[in-house]
Amino acid sequence: MAWLKTPLENCVDGSRDGVSIYAPAVGLIHNIDRNEALLNGEFERGQSRIIASDDLLRKGRDGRRRLTDKLFVGIDDDPETVGLTIFSPALREASFLARKQEYLRSAENIIGLKRGLLSEVEAAERTATEVTSSAGDYNLTIIDFQQMWESAVREAVQICGVLGRLYHVPDAHDVPEDAVAIDWGNGILYDEDKTWAEYMGMVSAGLLKPEIALGWRFGMPTETAADLKKIREKYMPEAQQLADGDA
């Protein structure tokens, strides 16, 4: 019922239809898969690769190869020289991983994600505030998607109110736009526990009224004196008694 339009550009066919957030990086994702397959092959073969004379790779009378060409590399050698030669190079793990990291960093740039969300997942744990402290434009992608979902939910709720009145649903009524509140919880852009600690620090330093901090914590309005009084009555009874006594 509600219009839900992804904020990202359709890079597949240019239409107004939504596409996956990963669509711009499809080519890079295929490269990452190929890189993983090559690395897996290195480990499956181990450090040793056997170089065999080409005649050893020819099919036998039963039509089957005598040796597996994925493991044995055939070369045109001296016909009189037959047998196996063991070549033991070092595994190229560091090179493969470095290339994978570069692919992931490129994917982050194209998709619009914070640098390190894909390419540095093994790094030390960071708080949401630390992740976004140097986010720049990267977190705008997440914010855009959150705003898209919020707009769609508000529109859907308003439509439900209109339909309810049209079909005479009991207690149906128009829903104002500001009646819908969405909390995204802790995540990349928001750390509730850290914000609460910051608020408490401001209260201790005398920079913020405790009523405002409690109102934020428990989702109560703090715009008017009456709002602050309700918070004191519910969470700060002693402070409210002192305020009543002074009055």
C-alpha atoms as a PDB file:
ATOM      1  CA  MET A   1       0.000   0.000   0.000  1.00  0.00           C
ATOM      2  CA  ALA A   2       2.817   2.393   0.809  1.00  0.00           C
ATOM      3  CA  TRP A   3       5.469   3.494  -1.661  1.00  0.00           C
ATOM      4  CA  LEU A   4       8.804   1.918  -0.787  1.00  0.00           C
ATOM      5  CA  LYS A   5      11.645   3.195  -2.956  1.00  0.00           C
ATOM      6  CA  THR A   6      15.254   2.327  -2.293  1.00  0.00           C
ATOM      7  CA  PRO A   7      17.447   5.438  -2.022  1.00  0.00           C
ATOM      8  CA  LEU A   8      20.116   3.748  -4.123  1.00  0.00           C
ATOM      9  CA  GLU A   9      20.310   4.135  -7.874  1.00  0.00           C
ATOM     10  CA  ASN A  10      19.193   1.186  -9.989  1.00  0.00           C
ATOM     11  CA  CYS A  11      22.444   0.140 -11.647  1.00  0.00           C
ATOM     12  CA  VAL A  12      20.997  -3.002 -13.251  1.00  0.00           C
ATOM     13  CA  ASP A  13      18.491  -1.745 -15.818  1.00  0.00           C
ATOM     14  CA  GLY A  14      18.092   1.926 -14.897  1.00  0.00           C
ATOM     15  CA  SER A  15      14.392   1.543 -14.053  1.00  0.00           C
ATOM     16  CA  ARG A  16      12.621   2.752 -10.913  1.00  0.00           C
ATOM     17  CA  ASP A  17      12.594  -0.780  -9.511  1.00  0.00           C
ATOM     18  CA  GLY A  18      14.693  -1.424  -6.448  1.00  0.00           C
ATOM     19  CA  VAL A  19      17.818  -3.549  -6.629  1.00  0.00           C
ATOM     20  CA  SER A  20      20.027  -5.208  -4.055  1.00  0.00           C
ATOM     21  CA  ILE A  21      22.377  -2.946  -2.123  1.00  0.00           C
ATOM     22  CA  TYR A  22      25.168  -5.218  -3.368  1.00  0.00           C
ATOM     23  CA  ALA A  23      24.209  -4.866  -7.034  1.00  0.00           C
ATOM     24  CA  PRO A  24      26.953  -2.299  -7.850  1.00  0.00           C
ATOM     25  CA  ALA A  25      29.581  -4.680  -6.482  1.00  0.00           C
ATOM     26  CA  VAL A  26      28.473  -7.878  -8.231  1.00  0.00           C
ATOM     27  CA  GLY A  27      31.628  -7.993 -10.358  1.00  0.00           C
ATOM     28  CA  LEU A  28      33.842  -7.563  -7.322  1.00  0.00           C
ATOM     29  CA  ILE A  29      31.946 -10.262  -5.445  1.00  0.00           C
ATOM     30  CA  HIS A  30      32.577 -12.678  -8.324  1.00  0.00           C
ATOM     31  CA  ASN A  31      36.275 -11.780  -8.154  1.00  0.00           C
ATOM     32  CA  ILE A  32      36.266 -12.484  -4.413  1.00  0.00           C
ATOM     33  CA  ASP A  33      34.681 -15.890  -5.043  1.00  0.00           C
ATOM     34  CA  ARG A  34      37.299 -16.685  -7.663  1.00  0.00           C
ATOM     35  CA  ASN A  35      40.058 -15.537  -5.314  1.00  0.00           C
ATOM     36  CA  GLU A  36      38.684 -17.837  -2.598  1.00  0.00           C
ATOM     37  CA  ALA A  37      38.584 -20.753  -5.027  1.00  0.00           C
ATOM     38  CA  LEU A  38      42.221 -20.193  -5.967  1.00  0.00           C
ATOM     39  CA  LEU A  39      43.262 -20.001  -2.313  1.00  0.00           C
ATOM     40  CA  ASN A  40      41.309 -23.158  -1.500  1.00  0.00           C
ATOM     41  CA  GLY A  41      43.064 -24.903  -4.362  1.00  0.00           C
ATOM     42  CA  GLU A  42      46.438 -23.929  -2.950  1.00  0.00           C
ATOM     43  CA  PHE A  43      45.569 -25.512   0.390  1.00  0.00           C
ATOM     44  CA  GLU A  44      44.052 -28.611  -1.161  1.00  0.00           C
ATOM     45  CA  ARG A  45      47.201 -29.249  -3.152  1.00  0.00           C
ATOM     46  CA  GLY A  46      49.433 -28.413  -0.224  1.00  0.00           C
ATOM     47  CA  GLN A  47      52.876 -26.970  -0.767  1.00  0.00           C
ATOM     48  CA  SER A  48      53.967 -29.562  -3.291  1.00  0.00           C
ATOM     49  CA  ARG A  49      53.083 -29.514  -6.960  1.00  0.00           C
ATOM     50  CA  ILE A  50      54.174 -32.436  -9.092  1.00  0.00           C
ATOM     51  CA  ILE A  51      55.444 -31.709 -12.588  1.00  0.00           C
ATOM     52  CA  ALA A  52      55.015 -34.745 -14.813  1.00  0.00           C
ATOM     53  CA  SER A  53      56.087 -35.470 -18.359  1.00  0.00           C
ATOM     54  CA  ASP A  54      53.201 -34.998 -20.780  1.00  0.00           C
ATOM     55  CA  ASP A  55      52.920 -38.679 -21.675  1.00  0.00           C
ATOM     56  CA  LEU A  56      51.825 -39.450 -18.114  1.00  0.00           C
ATOM     57  CA  LEU A  57      48.704 -37.303 -18.612  1.00  0.00           C
ATOM     58  CA  ARG A  58      47.499 -39.115 -21.701  1.00  0.00           C
ATOM     59  CA  LYS A  59      44.385 -41.215 -21.555  1.00  0.00           C
ATOM     60  CA  GLY A  60      44.750 -44.925 -21.078  1.00  0.00           C
ATOM     61  CA  ARG A  61      42.913 -47.636 -22.998  1.00  0.00           C
ATOM     62  CA  ASP A  62      39.967 -47.260 -20.643  1.00  0.00           C
ATOM     63  CA  GLY A  63      39.651 -43.612 -21.621  1.00  0.00           C
ATOM     64  CA  ARG A  64      40.656 -42.313 -18.205  1.00  0.00           C
ATOM     65  CA  ARG A  65      43.621 -40.085 -17.491  1.00  0.00           C
ATOM     66  CA  ARG A  66      46.366 -41.703 -15.539  1.00  0.00           C
ATOM     67  CA  LEU A  67      46.927 -38.583 -13.391  1.00  0.00           C
ATOM     68  CA  THR A  68      44.669 -35.668 -12.439  1.00  0.00           C
ATOM     69  CA  ASP A  69      45.449 -32.576 -14.471  1.00  0.00           C
ATOM     70  CA  LYS A  70      44.339 -30.307 -11.592  1.00  0.00           C
ATOM     71  CA  LEU A  71      47.226 -31.616  -9.557  1.00  0.00           C
ATOM     72  CA  PHE A  72      49.751 -32.519 -12.261  1.00  0.00           C
ATOM     73  CA  VAL A  73      50.925 -29.997 -14.826  1.00  0.00           C
ATOM     74  CA  GLY A  74      51.918 -31.584 -18.119  1.00  0.00           C
ATOM     75  CA  ILE A  75      54.953 -30.257 -20.012  1.00  0.00           C
ATOM     76  CA  ASP A  76      56.599 -31.269 -23.273  1.00  0.00           C
ATOM     77  CA  ASP A  77      59.859 -32.696 -22.058  1.00  0.00           C
ATOM     78  CA  ASP A  78      62.557 -34.867 -23.512  1.00  0.00           C
ATOM     79  CA  PRO A  79      60.805 -38.101 -24.650  1.00  0.00           C
ATOM     80  CA  GLU A  80      63.591 -40.096 -23.062  1.00  0.00           C
ATOM     81  CA  THR A  81      62.977 -38.384 -19.723  1.00  0.00           C
ATOM     82  CA  VAL A  82      59.990 -39.721 -17.869  1.00  0.00           C
ATOM     83  CA  GLY A  83      58.926 -39.690 -14.240  1.00  0.00           C
ATOM     84  CA  LEU A  84      57.951 -37.094 -11.675  1.00  0.00           C
ATOM     85  CA  THR A  85      59.633 -33.947 -10.440  1.00  0.00           C
ATOM     86  CA  ILE A  86      58.545 -32.434  -7.103  1.00  0.00           C
ATOM     87  CA  PHE A  87      58.309 -28.652  -6.968  1.00  0.00           C
ATOM     88  CA  SER A  88      57.575 -27.200  -3.501  1.00  0.00           C
ATOM     89  CA  PRO A  89      56.819 -23.460  -3.530  1.00  0.00           C
ATOM     90  CA  ALA A  90      55.641 -21.574  -0.448  1.00  0.00           C
ATOM     91  CA  LEU A  91      51.875 -21.149  -0.111  1.00  0.00           C
ATOM     92  CA  ARG A  92      50.728 -17.773  -1.422  1.00  0.00           C
ATOM     93  CA  GLU A  93      48.291 -17.178   1.422  1.00  0.00           C
ATOM     94  CA  ALA A  94      49.454 -13.611   2.132  1.00  0.00           C
ATOM     95  CA  SER A  95      49.038 -12.606  -1.507  1.00  0.00           C
ATOM     96  CA  PHE A  96      45.565 -14.102  -1.770  1.00  0.00           C
ATOM     97  CA  LEU A  97      44.416 -12.469   1.476  1.00  0.00           C
ATOM     98  CA  ALA A  98      45.848  -9.096   0.481  1.00  0.00           C
ATOM     99  CA  ARG A  99      44.004  -9.261  -2.833  1.00  0.00           C
ATOM    100  CA  LYS A 100      40.794 -10.263  -1.046  1.00  0.00           C
ATOM    101  CA  GLN A 101      41.103  -7.274   1.302  1.00  0.00           C
ATOM    102  CA  GLU A 102      41.514  -4.965  -1.678  1.00  0.00           C
ATOM    103  CA  TYR A 103      38.390  -6.412  -3.297  1.00  0.00           C
ATOM    104  CA  LEU A 104      36.444  -5.885  -0.061  1.00  0.00           C
ATOM    105  CA  ARG A 105      37.656  -2.285   0.297  1.00  0.00           C
ATOM    106  CA  SER A 106      36.575  -1.598  -3.278  1.00  0.00           C
ATOM    107  CA  ALA A 107      33.164  -3.144  -2.535  1.00  0.00           C
ATOM    108  CA  GLU A 108      32.788  -0.863   0.494  1.00  0.00           C
ATOM    109  CA  ASN A 109      33.485   2.184  -1.651  1.00  0.00           C
ATOM    110  CA  ILE A 110      31.019   1.187  -4.351  1.00  0.00           C
ATOM    111  CA  ILE A 111      28.227   0.097  -1.998  1.00  0.00           C
ATOM    112  CA  GLY A 112      28.658   3.057   0.336  1.00  0.00           C
ATOM    113  CA  LEU A 113      29.619   1.325   3.572  1.00  0.00           C
ATOM    114  CA  LYS A 114      31.937   2.488   6.317  1.00  0.00           C
ATOM    115  CA  ARG A 115      35.524   1.503   5.574  1.00  0.00           C
ATOM    116  CA  GLY A 116      36.381  -1.599   7.570  1.00  0.00           C
ATOM    117  CA  LEU A 117      32.896  -3.103   7.955  1.00  0.00           C
ATOM    118  CA  LEU A 118      33.761  -5.761   5.381  1.00  0.00           C
ATOM    119  CA  SER A 119      37.504  -5.539   4.921  1.00  0.00           C
ATOM    120  CA  GLU A 120      38.634  -5.339   8.559  1.00  0.00           C
ATOM    121  CA  VAL A 121      36.220  -7.582  10.437  1.00  0.00           C
ATOM    122  CA  GLU A 122      39.099  -9.241  12.264  1.00  0.00           C
ATOM    123  CA  ALA A 123      40.170  -5.923  13.807  1.00  0.00           C
ATOM    124  CA  ALA A 124      39.723  -5.198  17.496  1.00  0.00           C
ATOM    125  CA  GLU A 125      36.146  -4.687  18.677  1.00  0.00           C
ATOM    126  CA  ARG A 126      34.968  -1.099  18.397  1.00  0.00           C
ATOM    127  CA  THR A 127      31.955   0.716  19.797  1.00  0.00           C
ATOM    128  CA  ALA A 128      29.325   2.199  17.522  1.00  0.00           C
ATOM    129  CA  THR A 129      30.619   5.700  18.268  1.00  0.00           C
ATOM    130  CA  GLU A 130      34.172   4.698  17.349  1.00  0.00           C
ATOM    131  CA  VAL A 131      33.002   3.096  14.136  1.00  0.00           C
ATOM    132  CA  THR A 132      31.174   6.229  13.040  1.00  0.00           C
ATOM    133  CA  SER A 133      33.680   8.785  14.344  1.00  0.00           C
ATOM    134  CA  SER A 134      35.396   8.812  10.966  1.00  0.00           C
ATOM    135  CA  ALA A 135      32.513   7.462   8.943  1.00  0.00           C
ATOM    136  CA  GLY A 136      32.120  10.491   6.727  1.00  0.00           C
ATOM    137  CA  ASP A 137      29.633   9.771   3.985  1.00  0.00           C
ATOM    138  CA  TYR A 138      29.636   6.012   4.487  1.00  0.00           C
ATOM    139  CA  ASN A 139      27.011   5.954   7.227  1.00  0.00           C
ATOM    140  CA  LEU A 140      24.728   8.101   5.066  1.00  0.00           C
ATOM    141  CA  THR A 141      23.777   4.945   3.195  1.00  0.00           C
ATOM    142  CA  ILE A 142      22.482   3.348   6.392  1.00  0.00           C
ATOM    143  CA  ILE A 143      20.722   6.571   7.416  1.00  0.00           C
ATOM    144  CA  ASP A 144      19.052   6.804   4.002  1.00  0.00           C
ATOM    145  CA  PHE A 145      17.703   3.271   4.319  1.00  0.00           C
ATOM    146  CA  GLN A 146      16.424   3.935   7.840  1.00  0.00           C
ATOM    147  CA  GLN A 147      14.627   7.074   6.672  1.00  0.00           C
ATOM    148  CA  MET A 148      13.147   5.116   3.754  1.00  0.00           C
ATOM    149  CA  TRP A 149      11.696   2.473   6.078  1.00  0.00           C
ATOM    150  CA  GLU A 150      10.412   5.098   8.536  1.00  0.00           C
ATOM    151  CA  SER A 151       8.606   7.001   5.776  1.00  0.00           C
ATOM    152  CA  ALA A 152       7.074   3.799   4.423  1.00  0.00           C
ATOM    153  CA  VAL A 153       5.882   2.670   7.870  1.00  0.00           C
ATOM    154  CA  ARG A 154       4.315   6.059   8.645  1.00  0.00           C
ATOM    155  CA  GLU A 155       2.550   6.100   5.289  1.00  0.00           C
ATOM    156  CA  ALA A 156       1.287   2.530   5.766  1.00  0.00           C
ATOM    157  CA  VAL A 157      -0.083   3.335   9.228  1.00  0.00           C
ATOM    158  CA  GLN A 158      -1.872   6.417   7.909  1.00  0.00           C
ATOM    159  CA  ILE A 159      -3.381   4.355   5.086  1.00  0.00           C
ATOM    160  CA  CYS A 160      -4.595   1.780   7.605  1.00  0.00           C
ATOM    161  CA  GLY A 161      -6.335   4.556   9.528  1.00  0.00           C
ATOM    162  CA  VAL A 162      -8.113   5.790   6.401  1.00  0.00           C
ATOM    163  CA  LEU A 163      -9.171   2.278   5.385  1.00  0.00           C
ATOM    164  CA  GLY A 164     -10.389   1.590   8.901  1.00  0.00           C
ATOM    165  CA  ARG A 165     -12.728   4.570   8.746  1.00  0.00           C
ATOM    166  CA  LEU A 166     -13.929   3.647   5.253  1.00  0.00           C
ATOM    167  CA  TYR A 167     -14.818   0.116   6.395  1.00  0.00           C
ATOM    168  CA  HIS A 168     -16.244   1.359   9.714  1.00  0.00           C
ATOM    169  CA  VAL A 169     -13.768  -0.543  11.865  1.00  0.00           C
ATOM    170  CA  PRO A 170     -14.461   0.196  15.540  1.00  0.00           C
ATOM    171  CA  ASP A 171     -12.215   2.904  17.026  1.00  0.00           C
ATOM    172  CA  ALA A 172     -10.590   3.548  13.631  1.00  0.00           C
ATOM    173  CA  HIS A 173      -9.225   7.061  13.296  1.00  0.00           C
ATOM    174  CA  ASP A 174      -6.754   9.132  11.323  1.00  0.00           C
ATOM    175  CA  VAL A 175      -3.181   8.620  12.491  1.00  0.00           C
ATOM    176  CA  PRO A 176      -0.987  11.735  12.545  1.00  0.00           C
ATOM    177  CA  GLU A 177       2.445  11.381  10.992  1.00  0.00           C
ATOM    178  CA  ASP A 178       4.281  12.119  14.241  1.00  0.00           C
ATOM    179  CA  ALA A 179       2.374   9.375  16.075  1.00  0.00           C
ATOM    180  CA  VAL A 180       4.750   6.713  14.742  1.00  0.00           C
ATOM    181  CA  ALA A 181       8.093   6.404  16.546  1.00  0.00           C
ATOM    182  CA  ILE A 182      10.759   3.951  15.408  1.00  0.00           C
ATOM    183  CA  ASP A 183      13.738   2.965  17.547  1.00  0.00           C
ATOM    184  CA  TRP A 184      16.552   1.268  15.640  1.00  0.00           C
ATOM    185  CA  GLY A 185      18.278   0.178  18.827  1.00  0.00           C
ATOM    186  CA  ASN A 186      21.999  -0.342  19.192  1.00  0.00           C
ATOM    187  CA  GLY A 187      23.931  -0.690  15.989  1.00  0.00           C
ATOM    188  CA  ILE A 188      26.519   0.892  13.760  1.00  0.00           C
ATOM    189  CA  LEU A 189      24.994   4.364  14.063  1.00  0.00           C
ATOM    190  CA  TYR A 190      23.785   4.243  17.625  1.00  0.00           C
ATOM    191  CA  ASP A 191      24.981   2.853  20.947  1.00  0.00           C
ATOM    192  CA  GLU A 192      22.306   3.338  23.606  1.00  0.00           C
ATOM    193  CA  ASP A 193      24.458   2.321  26.556  1.00  0.00           C
ATOM    194  CA  LYS A 194      27.263   4.677  25.569  1.00  0.00           C
ATOM    195  CA  THR A 195      24.828   7.550  24.994  1.00  0.00           C
ATOM    196  CA  TRP A 196      23.264   6.931  28.411  1.00  0.00           C
ATOM    197  CA  ALA A 197      26.718   7.037  30.024  1.00  0.00           C
ATOM    198  CA  GLU A 198      27.410  10.341  28.266  1.00  0.00           C
ATOM    199  CA  TYR A 199      24.097  11.762  29.485  1.00  0.00           C
ATOM    200  CA  MET A 200      24.872  10.703  33.053  1.00  0.00           C
ATOM    201  CA  GLY A 201      28.271  12.346  32.810  1.00  0.00           C
ATOM    202  CA  MET A 202      26.615  15.582  31.729  1.00  0.00           C
ATOM    203  CA  VAL A 203      24.143  15.323  34.615  1.00  0.00           C
ATOM    204  CA  SER A 204      26.994  14.809  37.091  1.00  0.00           C
ATOM    205  CA  ALA A 205      28.795  17.832  35.660  1.00  0.00           C
ATOM    206  CA  GLY A 206      25.668  19.956  35.994  1.00  0.00           C
ATOM    207  CA  LEU A 207      25.349  20.423  32.228  1.00  0.00           C
ATOM    208  CA  LEU A 208      22.043  18.588  31.851  1.00  0.00           C
ATOM    209  CA  LYS A 209      18.908  18.264  33.933  1.00  0.00           C
ATOM    210  CA  PRO A 210      18.396  14.711  35.231  1.00  0.00           C
ATOM    211  CA  GLU A 211      14.771  14.885  34.091  1.00  0.00           C
ATOM    212  CA  ILE A 212      15.884  15.255  30.482  1.00  0.00           C
ATOM    213  CA  ALA A 213      18.242  12.286  30.760  1.00  0.00           C
ATOM    214  CA  LEU A 214      15.494  10.134  32.315  1.00  0.00           C
ATOM    215  CA  GLY A 215      12.989  11.296  29.704  1.00  0.00           C
ATOM    216  CA  TRP A 216      15.337  10.173  26.947  1.00  0.00           C
ATOM    217  CA  ARG A 217      16.017   6.863  28.692  1.00  0.00           C
ATOM    218  CA  PHE A 218      12.346   5.959  29.152  1.00  0.00           C
ATOM    219  CA  GLY A 219      10.888   7.641  26.054  1.00  0.00           C
ATOM    220  CA  MET A 220       8.987  10.401  27.832  1.00  0.00           C
ATOM    221  CA  PRO A 221       8.537  13.949  26.474  1.00  0.00           C
ATOM    222  CA  THR A 222      10.668  16.692  28.032  1.00  0.00           C
ATOM    223  CA  GLU A 223       9.464  19.792  26.193  1.00  0.00           C
ATOM    224  CA  THR A 224       7.419  21.518  28.899  1.00  0.00           C
ATOM    225  CA  ALA A 225       7.548  22.022  32.650  1.00  0.00           C
ATOM    226  CA  ALA A 226       4.578  19.679  32.970  1.00  0.00           C
ATOM    227  CA  ASP A 227       6.540  16.980  31.135  1.00  0.00           C
ATOM    228  CA  LEU A 228       9.465  17.360  33.539  1.00  0.00           C
ATOM    229  CA  LYS A 229       7.091  17.213  36.508  1.00  0.00           C
ATOM    230  CA  LYS A 230       5.674  13.883  35.301  1.00  0.00           C
ATOM    231  CA  ILE A 231       9.191  12.479  35.072  1.00  0.00           C
ATOM    232  CA  ARG A 232      10.011  13.641  38.624  1.00  0.00           C
ATOM    233  CA  GLU A 233       6.779  12.165  39.961  1.00  0.00           C
ATOM    234  CA  LYS A 234       7.503   8.811  38.363  1.00  0.00           C
ATOM    235  CA  TYR A 235      11.270   8.464  38.719  1.00  0.00           C
ATOM    236  CA  MET A 236      12.378  11.220  41.171  1.00  0.00           C
ATOM    237  CA  PRO A 237       9.738  11.361  43.933  1.00  0.00           C
ATOM    238  CA  GLU A 238      12.083  12.938  46.467  1.00  0.00           C
ATOM    239  CA  ALA A 239      13.054  15.702  44.074  1.00  0.00           C
ATOM    240  CA  GLN A 240       9.392  16.351  43.316  1.00  0.00           C
ATOM    241  CA  GLN A 241       8.568  16.568  47.031  1.00  0.00           C
ATOM    242  CA  LEU A 242      11.288  19.183  47.454  1.00  0.00           C
ATOM    243  CA  ALA A 243       9.952  21.093  44.457  1.00  0.00           C
ATOM    244  CA  ASP A 244       6.415  21.000  45.901  1.00  0.00           C
ATOM    245  CA  GLY A 245       7.729  22.180  49.285  1.00  0.00           C
ATOM    246  CA  ASP A 246       9.556  25.116  47.682  1.00  0.00           C
ATOM    247  CA  ALA A 247       6.383  25.997  45.798  1.00  0.00           C
END
